[in-house]
Amino acid sequence: MAALEANLNAARRDIFELTSELRQQAHKFEAEDRRIERTLLSALAEETRTQSGYAVIELRTAVLGLSLSALGVVIQLPQSLGM
């Protein structure tokens, strides 16, 4: 009977140790998951800023082109009217 109790206690101890290890691993995985999520969100935000920057550059280029076209029309307008 004593040997059975000793084996049972050893099994309980092993189960407790394994459970503790599994909990620690789960916490590590959760922490790593949060870190990866933060990294991905940061990368997404950076990509959004980069794309926005490119869009602003393209918009400024388009506005400059339209402004030059409008200036050309203003310069040619007196000639067209015979002035």
PDB file of N, CA and C in Angstrom:
ATOM      1  N   MET A   1       0.821  -1.197   0.000  1.00  0.00           N
ATOM      2  CA  MET A   1       0.000   0.000   0.000  1.00  0.00           C
ATOM      3  C   MET A   1       0.866   1.263   0.000  1.00  0.00           C
ATOM      4  N   ALA A   2       1.961   1.240   0.739  1.00  0.00           N
ATOM      5  CA  ALA A   2       2.857   2.395   0.818  1.00  0.00           C
ATOM      6  C   ALA A   2       3.506   2.654  -0.539  1.00  0.00           C
ATOM      7  N   ALA A   3       3.846   1.578  -1.237  1.00  0.00           N
ATOM      8  CA  ALA A   3       4.453   1.735  -2.566  1.00  0.00           C
ATOM      9  C   ALA A   3       3.454   2.352  -3.537  1.00  0.00           C
ATOM     10  N   LEU A   4       2.209   1.947  -3.449  1.00  0.00           N
ATOM     11  CA  LEU A   4       1.152   2.506  -4.292  1.00  0.00           C
ATOM     12  C   LEU A   4       0.983   3.986  -4.013  1.00  0.00           C
ATOM     13  N   GLU A   5       0.964   4.374  -2.740  1.00  0.00           N
ATOM     14  CA  GLU A   5       0.836   5.789  -2.378  1.00  0.00           C
ATOM     15  C   GLU A   5       2.048   6.582  -2.858  1.00  0.00           C
ATOM     16  N   ALA A   6       3.231   6.000  -2.758  1.00  0.00           N
ATOM     17  CA  ALA A   6       4.447   6.677  -3.227  1.00  0.00           C
ATOM     18  C   ALA A   6       4.392   6.891  -4.733  1.00  0.00           C
ATOM     19  N   ASN A   7       3.940   5.868  -5.461  1.00  0.00           N
ATOM     20  CA  ASN A   7       3.798   5.997  -6.920  1.00  0.00           C
ATOM     21  C   ASN A   7       2.743   7.041  -7.283  1.00  0.00           C
ATOM     22  N   LEU A   8       1.642   7.041  -6.537  1.00  0.00           N
ATOM     23  CA  LEU A   8       0.574   8.016  -6.776  1.00  0.00           C
ATOM     24  C   LEU A   8       1.075   9.434  -6.508  1.00  0.00           C
ATOM     25  N   ASN A   9       1.808   9.616  -5.429  1.00  0.00           N
ATOM     26  CA  ASN A   9       2.365  10.933  -5.111  1.00  0.00           C
ATOM     27  C   ASN A   9       3.382  11.376  -6.166  1.00  0.00           C
ATOM     28  N   ALA A  10       4.190  10.446  -6.643  1.00  0.00           N
ATOM     29  CA  ALA A  10       5.164  10.761  -7.693  1.00  0.00           C
ATOM     30  C   ALA A  10       4.439  11.165  -8.977  1.00  0.00           C
ATOM     31  N   ALA A  11       3.358  10.454  -9.294  1.00  0.00           N
ATOM     32  CA  ALA A  11       2.578  10.783 -10.484  1.00  0.00           C
ATOM     33  C   ALA A  11       1.938  12.159 -10.341  1.00  0.00           C
ATOM     34  N   ARG A  12       1.406  12.462  -9.164  1.00  0.00           N
ATOM     35  CA  ARG A  12       0.808  13.780  -8.913  1.00  0.00           C
ATOM     36  C   ARG A  12       1.857  14.877  -9.075  1.00  0.00           C
ATOM     37  N   ARG A  13       3.058  14.623  -8.525  1.00  0.00           N
ATOM     38  CA  ARG A  13       4.146  15.601  -8.626  1.00  0.00           C
ATOM     39  C   ARG A  13       4.527  15.820 -10.094  1.00  0.00           C
ATOM     40  N   ASP A  14       4.624  14.758 -10.850  1.00  0.00           N
ATOM     41  CA  ASP A  14       4.952  14.859 -12.276  1.00  0.00           C
ATOM     42  C   ASP A  14       3.876  15.634 -13.031  1.00  0.00           C
ATOM     43  N   ILE A  15       2.620  15.335 -12.727  1.00  0.00           N
ATOM     44  CA  ILE A  15       1.515  16.031 -13.385  1.00  0.00           C
ATOM     45  C   ILE A  15       1.554  17.515 -13.033  1.00  0.00           C
ATOM     46  N   PHE A  16       1.812  17.838 -11.777  1.00  0.00           N
ATOM     47  CA  PHE A  16       1.886  19.229 -11.346  1.00  0.00           C
ATOM     48  C   PHE A  16       3.030  19.956 -12.066  1.00  0.00           C
ATOM     49  N   GLU A  17       4.187  19.302 -12.157  1.00  0.00           N
ATOM     50  CA  GLU A  17       5.332  19.912 -12.838  1.00  0.00           C
ATOM     51  C   GLU A  17       5.043  20.129 -14.322  1.00  0.00           C
ATOM     52  N   LEU A  18       4.445  19.140 -14.954  1.00  0.00           N
ATOM     53  CA  LEU A  18       4.096  19.271 -16.372  1.00  0.00           C
ATOM     54  C   LEU A  18       3.073  20.380 -16.591  1.00  0.00           C
ATOM     55  N   THR A  19       2.095  20.446 -15.699  1.00  0.00           N
ATOM     56  CA  THR A  19       1.082  21.496 -15.804  1.00  0.00           C
ATOM     57  C   THR A  19       1.722  22.867 -15.644  1.00  0.00           C
ATOM     58  N   SER A  20       2.632  22.990 -14.699  1.00  0.00           N
ATOM     59  CA  SER A  20       3.326  24.260 -14.503  1.00  0.00           C
ATOM     60  C   SER A  20       4.135  24.642 -15.731  1.00  0.00           C
ATOM     61  N   GLU A  21       4.841  23.670 -16.294  1.00  0.00           N
ATOM     62  CA  GLU A  21       5.617  23.933 -17.506  1.00  0.00           C
ATOM     63  C   GLU A  21       4.717  24.348 -18.661  1.00  0.00           C
ATOM     64  N   LEU A  22       3.587  23.678 -18.810  1.00  0.00           N
ATOM     65  CA  LEU A  22       2.660  24.017 -19.887  1.00  0.00           C
ATOM     66  C   LEU A  22       2.104  25.432 -19.711  1.00  0.00           C
ATOM     67  N   ARG A  23       1.803  25.804 -18.464  1.00  0.00           N
ATOM     68  CA  ARG A  23       1.314  27.157 -18.201  1.00  0.00           C
ATOM     69  C   ARG A  23       2.382  28.197 -18.550  1.00  0.00           C
ATOM     70  N   GLN A  24       3.635  27.920 -18.175  1.00  0.00           N
ATOM     71  CA  GLN A  24       4.718  28.840 -18.493  1.00  0.00           C
ATOM     72  C   GLN A  24       4.879  28.979 -20.006  1.00  0.00           C
ATOM     73  N   GLN A  25       4.827  27.858 -20.706  1.00  0.00           N
ATOM     74  CA  GLN A  25       4.938  27.903 -22.165  1.00  0.00           C
ATOM     75  C   GLN A  25       3.769  28.685 -22.782  1.00  0.00           C
ATOM     76  N   ALA A  26       2.576  28.485 -22.236  1.00  0.00           N
ATOM     77  CA  ALA A  26       1.406  29.213 -22.741  1.00  0.00           C
ATOM     78  C   ALA A  26       1.592  30.713 -22.542  1.00  0.00           C
ATOM     79  N   HIS A  27       2.122  31.123 -21.386  1.00  0.00           N
ATOM     80  CA  HIS A  27       2.377  32.547 -21.138  1.00  0.00           C
ATOM     81  C   HIS A  27       3.424  33.089 -22.102  1.00  0.00           C
ATOM     82  N   LYS A  28       4.465  32.287 -22.363  1.00  0.00           N
ATOM     83  CA  LYS A  28       5.485  32.717 -23.317  1.00  0.00           C
ATOM     84  C   LYS A  28       4.896  32.875 -24.711  1.00  0.00           C
ATOM     85  N   PHE A  29       4.069  31.908 -25.110  1.00  0.00           N
ATOM     86  CA  PHE A  29       3.441  31.985 -26.431  1.00  0.00           C
ATOM     87  C   PHE A  29       2.522  33.199 -26.534  1.00  0.00           C
ATOM     88  N   GLU A  30       1.765  33.469 -25.483  1.00  0.00           N
ATOM     89  CA  GLU A  30       0.879  34.634 -25.490  1.00  0.00           C
ATOM     90  C   GLU A  30       1.681  35.924 -25.586  1.00  0.00           C
ATOM     91  N   ALA A  31       2.786  36.011 -24.835  1.00  0.00           N
ATOM     92  CA  ALA A  31       3.634  37.200 -24.889  1.00  0.00           C
ATOM     93  C   ALA A  31       4.236  37.367 -26.280  1.00  0.00           C
ATOM     94  N   GLU A  32       4.690  36.278 -26.873  1.00  0.00           N
ATOM     95  CA  GLU A  32       5.258  36.328 -28.218  1.00  0.00           C
ATOM     96  C   GLU A  32       4.191  36.709 -29.243  1.00  0.00           C
ATOM     97  N   ASP A  33       2.993  36.196 -29.073  1.00  0.00           N
ATOM     98  CA  ASP A  33       1.884  36.540 -29.962  1.00  0.00           C
ATOM     99  C   ASP A  33       1.582  38.036 -29.891  1.00  0.00           C
ATOM    100  N   ARG A  34       1.570  38.584 -28.690  1.00  0.00           N
ATOM    101  CA  ARG A  34       1.335  40.025 -28.526  1.00  0.00           C
ATOM    102  C   ARG A  34       2.463  40.833 -29.155  1.00  0.00           C
ATOM    103  N   ARG A  35       3.701  40.375 -28.977  1.00  0.00           N
ATOM    104  CA  ARG A  35       4.842  41.082 -29.566  1.00  0.00           C
ATOM    105  C   ARG A  35       4.762  41.074 -31.096  1.00  0.00           C
ATOM    106  N   ILE A  36       4.431  39.919 -31.652  1.00  0.00           N
ATOM    107  CA  ILE A  36       4.300  39.817 -33.112  1.00  0.00           C
ATOM    108  C   ILE A  36       3.168  40.707 -33.611  1.00  0.00           C
ATOM    109  N   GLU A  37       2.061  40.710 -32.882  1.00  0.00           N
ATOM    110  CA  GLU A  37       0.934  41.552 -33.290  1.00  0.00           C
ATOM    111  C   GLU A  37       1.324  43.033 -33.272  1.00  0.00           C
ATOM    112  N   ARG A  38       2.038  43.457 -32.224  1.00  0.00           N
ATOM    113  CA  ARG A  38       2.499  44.855 -32.159  1.00  0.00           C
ATOM    114  C   ARG A  38       3.445  45.171 -33.315  1.00  0.00           C
ATOM    115  N   THR A  39       4.338  44.234 -33.618  1.00  0.00           N
ATOM    116  CA  THR A  39       5.282  44.435 -34.713  1.00  0.00           C
ATOM    117  C   THR A  39       4.549  44.566 -36.042  1.00  0.00           C
ATOM    118  N   LEU A  40       3.577  43.695 -36.258  1.00  0.00           N
ATOM    119  CA  LEU A  40       2.813  43.755 -37.509  1.00  0.00           C
ATOM    120  C   LEU A  40       2.000  45.038 -37.615  1.00  0.00           C
ATOM    121  N   LEU A  41       1.396  45.453 -36.501  1.00  0.00           N
ATOM    122  CA  LEU A  41       0.637  46.704 -36.517  1.00  0.00           C
ATOM    123  C   LEU A  41       1.543  47.901 -36.773  1.00  0.00           C
ATOM    124  N   SER A  42       2.728  47.867 -36.197  1.00  0.00           N
ATOM    125  CA  SER A  42       3.699  48.939 -36.424  1.00  0.00           C
ATOM    126  C   SER A  42       4.130  48.966 -37.889  1.00  0.00           C
ATOM    127  N   ALA A  43       4.386  47.788 -38.448  1.00  0.00           N
ATOM    128  CA  ALA A  43       4.773  47.710 -39.864  1.00  0.00           C
ATOM    129  C   ALA A  43       3.637  48.183 -40.767  1.00  0.00           C
ATOM    130  N   LEU A  44       2.419  47.831 -40.419  1.00  0.00           N
ATOM    131  CA  LEU A  44       1.263  48.271 -41.202  1.00  0.00           C
ATOM    132  C   LEU A  44       1.116  49.787 -41.133  1.00  0.00           C
ATOM    133  N   ALA A  45       1.303  50.350 -39.951  1.00  0.00           N
ATOM    134  CA  ALA A  45       1.214  51.803 -39.797  1.00  0.00           C
ATOM    135  C   ALA A  45       2.308  52.496 -40.612  1.00  0.00           C
ATOM    136  N   GLU A  46       3.512  51.943 -40.589  1.00  0.00           N
ATOM    137  CA  GLU A  46       4.621  52.515 -41.359  1.00  0.00           C
ATOM    138  C   GLU A  46       4.327  52.437 -42.855  1.00  0.00           C
ATOM    139  N   GLU A  47       3.805  51.302 -43.300  1.00  0.00           N
ATOM    140  CA  GLU A  47       3.450  51.149 -44.721  1.00  0.00           C
ATOM    141  C   GLU A  47       2.368  52.147 -45.115  1.00  0.00           C
ATOM    142  N   THR A  48       1.401  52.348 -44.229  1.00  0.00           N
ATOM    143  CA  THR A  48       0.333  53.314 -44.504  1.00  0.00           C
ATOM    144  C   THR A  48       0.910  54.721 -44.634  1.00  0.00           C
ATOM    145  N   ARG A  49       1.840  55.069 -43.718  1.00  0.00           N
ATOM    146  CA  ARG A  49       2.479  56.391 -43.793  1.00  0.00           C
ATOM    147  C   ARG A  49       3.281  56.530 -45.085  1.00  0.00           C
ATOM    148  N   THR A  50       3.983  55.464 -45.466  1.00  0.00           N
ATOM    149  CA  THR A  50       4.776  55.501 -46.693  1.00  0.00           C
ATOM    150  C   THR A  50       3.877  55.682 -47.903  1.00  0.00           C
ATOM    151  N   GLN A  51       2.790  54.898 -47.951  1.00  0.00           N
ATOM    152  CA  GLN A  51       1.861  55.020 -49.076  1.00  0.00           C
ATOM    153  C   GLN A  51       1.215  56.398 -49.109  1.00  0.00           C
ATOM    154  N   SER A  52       0.897  56.935 -47.931  1.00  0.00           N
ATOM    155  CA  SER A  52       0.327  58.278 -47.874  1.00  0.00           C
ATOM    156  C   SER A  52       1.334  59.292 -48.385  1.00  0.00           C
ATOM    157  N   GLY A  53       2.602  59.098 -48.018  1.00  0.00           N
ATOM    158  CA  GLY A  53       3.655  59.999 -48.501  1.00  0.00           C
ATOM    159  C   GLY A  53       3.757  59.972 -50.012  1.00  0.00           C
ATOM    160  N   TYR A  54       3.705  58.770 -50.596  1.00  0.00           N
ATOM    161  CA  TYR A  54       3.746  58.665 -52.054  1.00  0.00           C
ATOM    162  C   TYR A  54       2.528  59.337 -52.688  1.00  0.00           C
ATOM    163  N   ALA A  55       1.384  59.165 -52.072  1.00  0.00           N
ATOM    164  CA  ALA A  55       0.165  59.782 -52.607  1.00  0.00           C
ATOM    165  C   ALA A  55       0.272  61.301 -52.572  1.00  0.00           C
ATOM    166  N   VAL A  56       0.848  61.846 -51.499  1.00  0.00           N
ATOM    167  CA  VAL A  56       1.018  63.296 -51.392  1.00  0.00           C
ATOM    168  C   VAL A  56       1.966  63.789 -52.481  1.00  0.00           C
ATOM    169  N   ILE A  57       3.062  63.056 -52.712  1.00  0.00           N
ATOM    170  CA  ILE A  57       4.019  63.446 -53.761  1.00  0.00           C
ATOM    171  C   ILE A  57       3.338  63.432 -55.125  1.00  0.00           C
ATOM    172  N   GLU A  58       2.554  62.385 -55.401  1.00  0.00           N
ATOM    173  CA  GLU A  58       1.854  62.305 -56.680  1.00  0.00           C
ATOM    174  C   GLU A  58       0.824  63.422 -56.816  1.00  0.00           C
ATOM    175  N   LEU A  59       0.141  63.731 -55.714  1.00  0.00           N
ATOM    176  CA  LEU A  59      -0.857  64.811 -55.750  1.00  0.00           C
ATOM    177  C   LEU A  59      -0.177  66.152 -55.993  1.00  0.00           C
ATOM    178  N   ARG A  60       0.942  66.387 -55.315  1.00  0.00           N
ATOM    179  CA  ARG A  60       1.670  67.650 -55.521  1.00  0.00           C
ATOM    180  C   ARG A  60       2.160  67.768 -56.954  1.00  0.00           C
ATOM    181  N   THR A  61       2.624  66.664 -57.524  1.00  0.00           N
ATOM    182  CA  THR A  61       3.068  66.674 -58.917  1.00  0.00           C
ATOM    183  C   THR A  61       1.907  66.990 -59.847  1.00  0.00           C
ATOM    184  N   ALA A  62       0.753  66.407 -59.576  1.00  0.00           N
ATOM    185  CA  ALA A  62      -0.431  66.668 -60.406  1.00  0.00           C
ATOM    186  C   ALA A  62      -0.861  68.124 -60.282  1.00  0.00           C
ATOM    187  N   VAL A  63      -0.846  68.653 -59.075  1.00  0.00           N
ATOM    188  CA  VAL A  63      -1.230  70.060 -58.864  1.00  0.00           C
ATOM    189  C   VAL A  63      -0.250  70.978 -59.578  1.00  0.00           C
ATOM    190  N   LEU A  64       1.046  70.664 -59.510  1.00  0.00           N
ATOM    191  CA  LEU A  64       2.050  71.465 -60.205  1.00  0.00           C
ATOM    192  C   LEU A  64       1.794  71.434 -61.707  1.00  0.00           C
ATOM    193  N   GLY A  65       1.495  70.252 -62.248  1.00  0.00           N
ATOM    194  CA  GLY A  65       1.203  70.141 -63.676  1.00  0.00           C
ATOM    195  C   GLY A  65      -0.021  70.947 -64.072  1.00  0.00           C
ATOM    196  N   LEU A  66      -1.067  70.881 -63.257  1.00  0.00           N
ATOM    197  CA  LEU A  66      -2.268  71.675 -63.548  1.00  0.00           C
ATOM    198  C   LEU A  66      -1.988  73.167 -63.441  1.00  0.00           C
ATOM    199  N   SER A  67      -1.171  73.546 -62.469  1.00  0.00           N
ATOM    200  CA  SER A  67      -0.835  74.966 -62.310  1.00  0.00           C
ATOM    201  C   SER A  67      -0.059  75.473 -63.519  1.00  0.00           C
ATOM    202  N   LEU A  68       0.884  74.679 -63.997  1.00  0.00           N
ATOM    203  CA  LEU A  68       1.651  75.079 -65.184  1.00  0.00           C
ATOM    204  C   LEU A  68       0.748  75.159 -66.414  1.00  0.00           C
ATOM    205  N   SER A  69      -0.190  74.229 -66.513  1.00  0.00           N
ATOM    206  CA  SER A  69      -1.140  74.276 -67.634  1.00  0.00           C
ATOM    207  C   SER A  69      -1.996  75.530 -67.550  1.00  0.00           C
ATOM    208  N   ALA A  70      -2.455  75.858 -66.366  1.00  0.00           N
ATOM    209  CA  ALA A  70      -3.277  77.070 -66.192  1.00  0.00           C
ATOM    210  C   ALA A  70      -2.455  78.311 -66.506  1.00  0.00           C
ATOM    211  N   LEU A  71      -1.189  78.328 -66.111  1.00  0.00           N
ATOM    212  CA  LEU A  71      -0.321  79.465 -66.416  1.00  0.00           C
ATOM    213  C   LEU A  71      -0.137  79.595 -67.922  1.00  0.00           C
ATOM    214  N   GLY A  72       0.018  78.474 -68.605  1.00  0.00           N
ATOM    215  CA  GLY A  72       0.141  78.499 -70.055  1.00  0.00           C
ATOM    216  C   GLY A  72      -1.101  79.064 -70.714  1.00  0.00           C
ATOM    217  N   VAL A  73      -2.264  78.707 -70.204  1.00  0.00           N
ATOM    218  CA  VAL A  73      -3.521  79.234 -70.751  1.00  0.00           C
ATOM    219  C   VAL A  73      -3.596  80.736 -70.521  1.00  0.00           C
ATOM    220  N   VAL A  74      -3.216  81.195 -69.344  1.00  0.00           N
ATOM    221  CA  VAL A  74      -3.261  82.634 -69.033  1.00  0.00           C
ATOM    222  C   VAL A  74      -2.300  83.396 -69.938  1.00  0.00           C
ATOM    223  N   ILE A  75      -1.134  82.817 -70.221  1.00  0.00           N
ATOM    224  CA  ILE A  75      -0.160  83.485 -71.093  1.00  0.00           C
ATOM    225  C   ILE A  75      -0.677  83.537 -72.517  1.00  0.00           C
ATOM    226  N   GLN A  76      -1.329  82.477 -72.973  1.00  0.00           N
ATOM    227  CA  GLN A  76      -1.806  82.432 -74.360  1.00  0.00           C
ATOM    228  C   GLN A  76      -3.129  83.154 -74.560  1.00  0.00           C
ATOM    229  N   LEU A  77      -3.848  83.421 -73.498  1.00  0.00           N
ATOM    230  CA  LEU A  77      -5.175  84.039 -73.606  1.00  0.00           C
ATOM    231  C   LEU A  77      -5.110  85.391 -74.308  1.00  0.00           C
ATOM    232  N   PRO A  78      -4.229  86.315 -73.946  1.00  0.00           N
ATOM    233  CA  PRO A  78      -4.186  87.590 -74.665  1.00  0.00           C
ATOM    234  C   PRO A  78      -3.875  87.408 -76.147  1.00  0.00           C
ATOM    235  N   GLN A  79      -3.034  86.469 -76.501  1.00  0.00           N
ATOM    236  CA  GLN A  79      -2.719  86.214 -77.909  1.00  0.00           C
ATOM    237  C   GLN A  79      -3.934  85.703 -78.632  1.00  0.00           C
ATOM    238  N   SER A  80      -4.705  84.855 -77.969  1.00  0.00           N
ATOM    239  CA  SER A  80      -5.915  84.308 -78.580  1.00  0.00           C
ATOM    240  C   SER A  80      -6.956  85.386 -78.796  1.00  0.00           C
ATOM    241  N   LEU A  81      -6.997  86.351 -77.903  1.00  0.00           N
ATOM    242  CA  LEU A  81      -7.972  87.429 -78.034  1.00  0.00           C
ATOM    243  C   LEU A  81      -7.477  88.541 -78.948  1.00  0.00           C
ATOM    244  N   GLY A  82      -6.250  88.418 -79.434  1.00  0.00           N
ATOM    245  CA  GLY A  82      -5.696  89.409 -80.362  1.00  0.00           C
ATOM    246  C   GLY A  82      -5.177  90.622 -79.636  1.00  0.00           C
ATOM    247  N   MET A  83      -4.780  90.527 -78.460  1.00  0.00           N
ATOM    248  CA  MET A  83      -4.269  91.680 -77.713  1.00  0.00           C
ATOM    249  C   MET A  83      -2.794  91.795 -77.820  1.00  0.00           C
TER     250      MET A  83
END
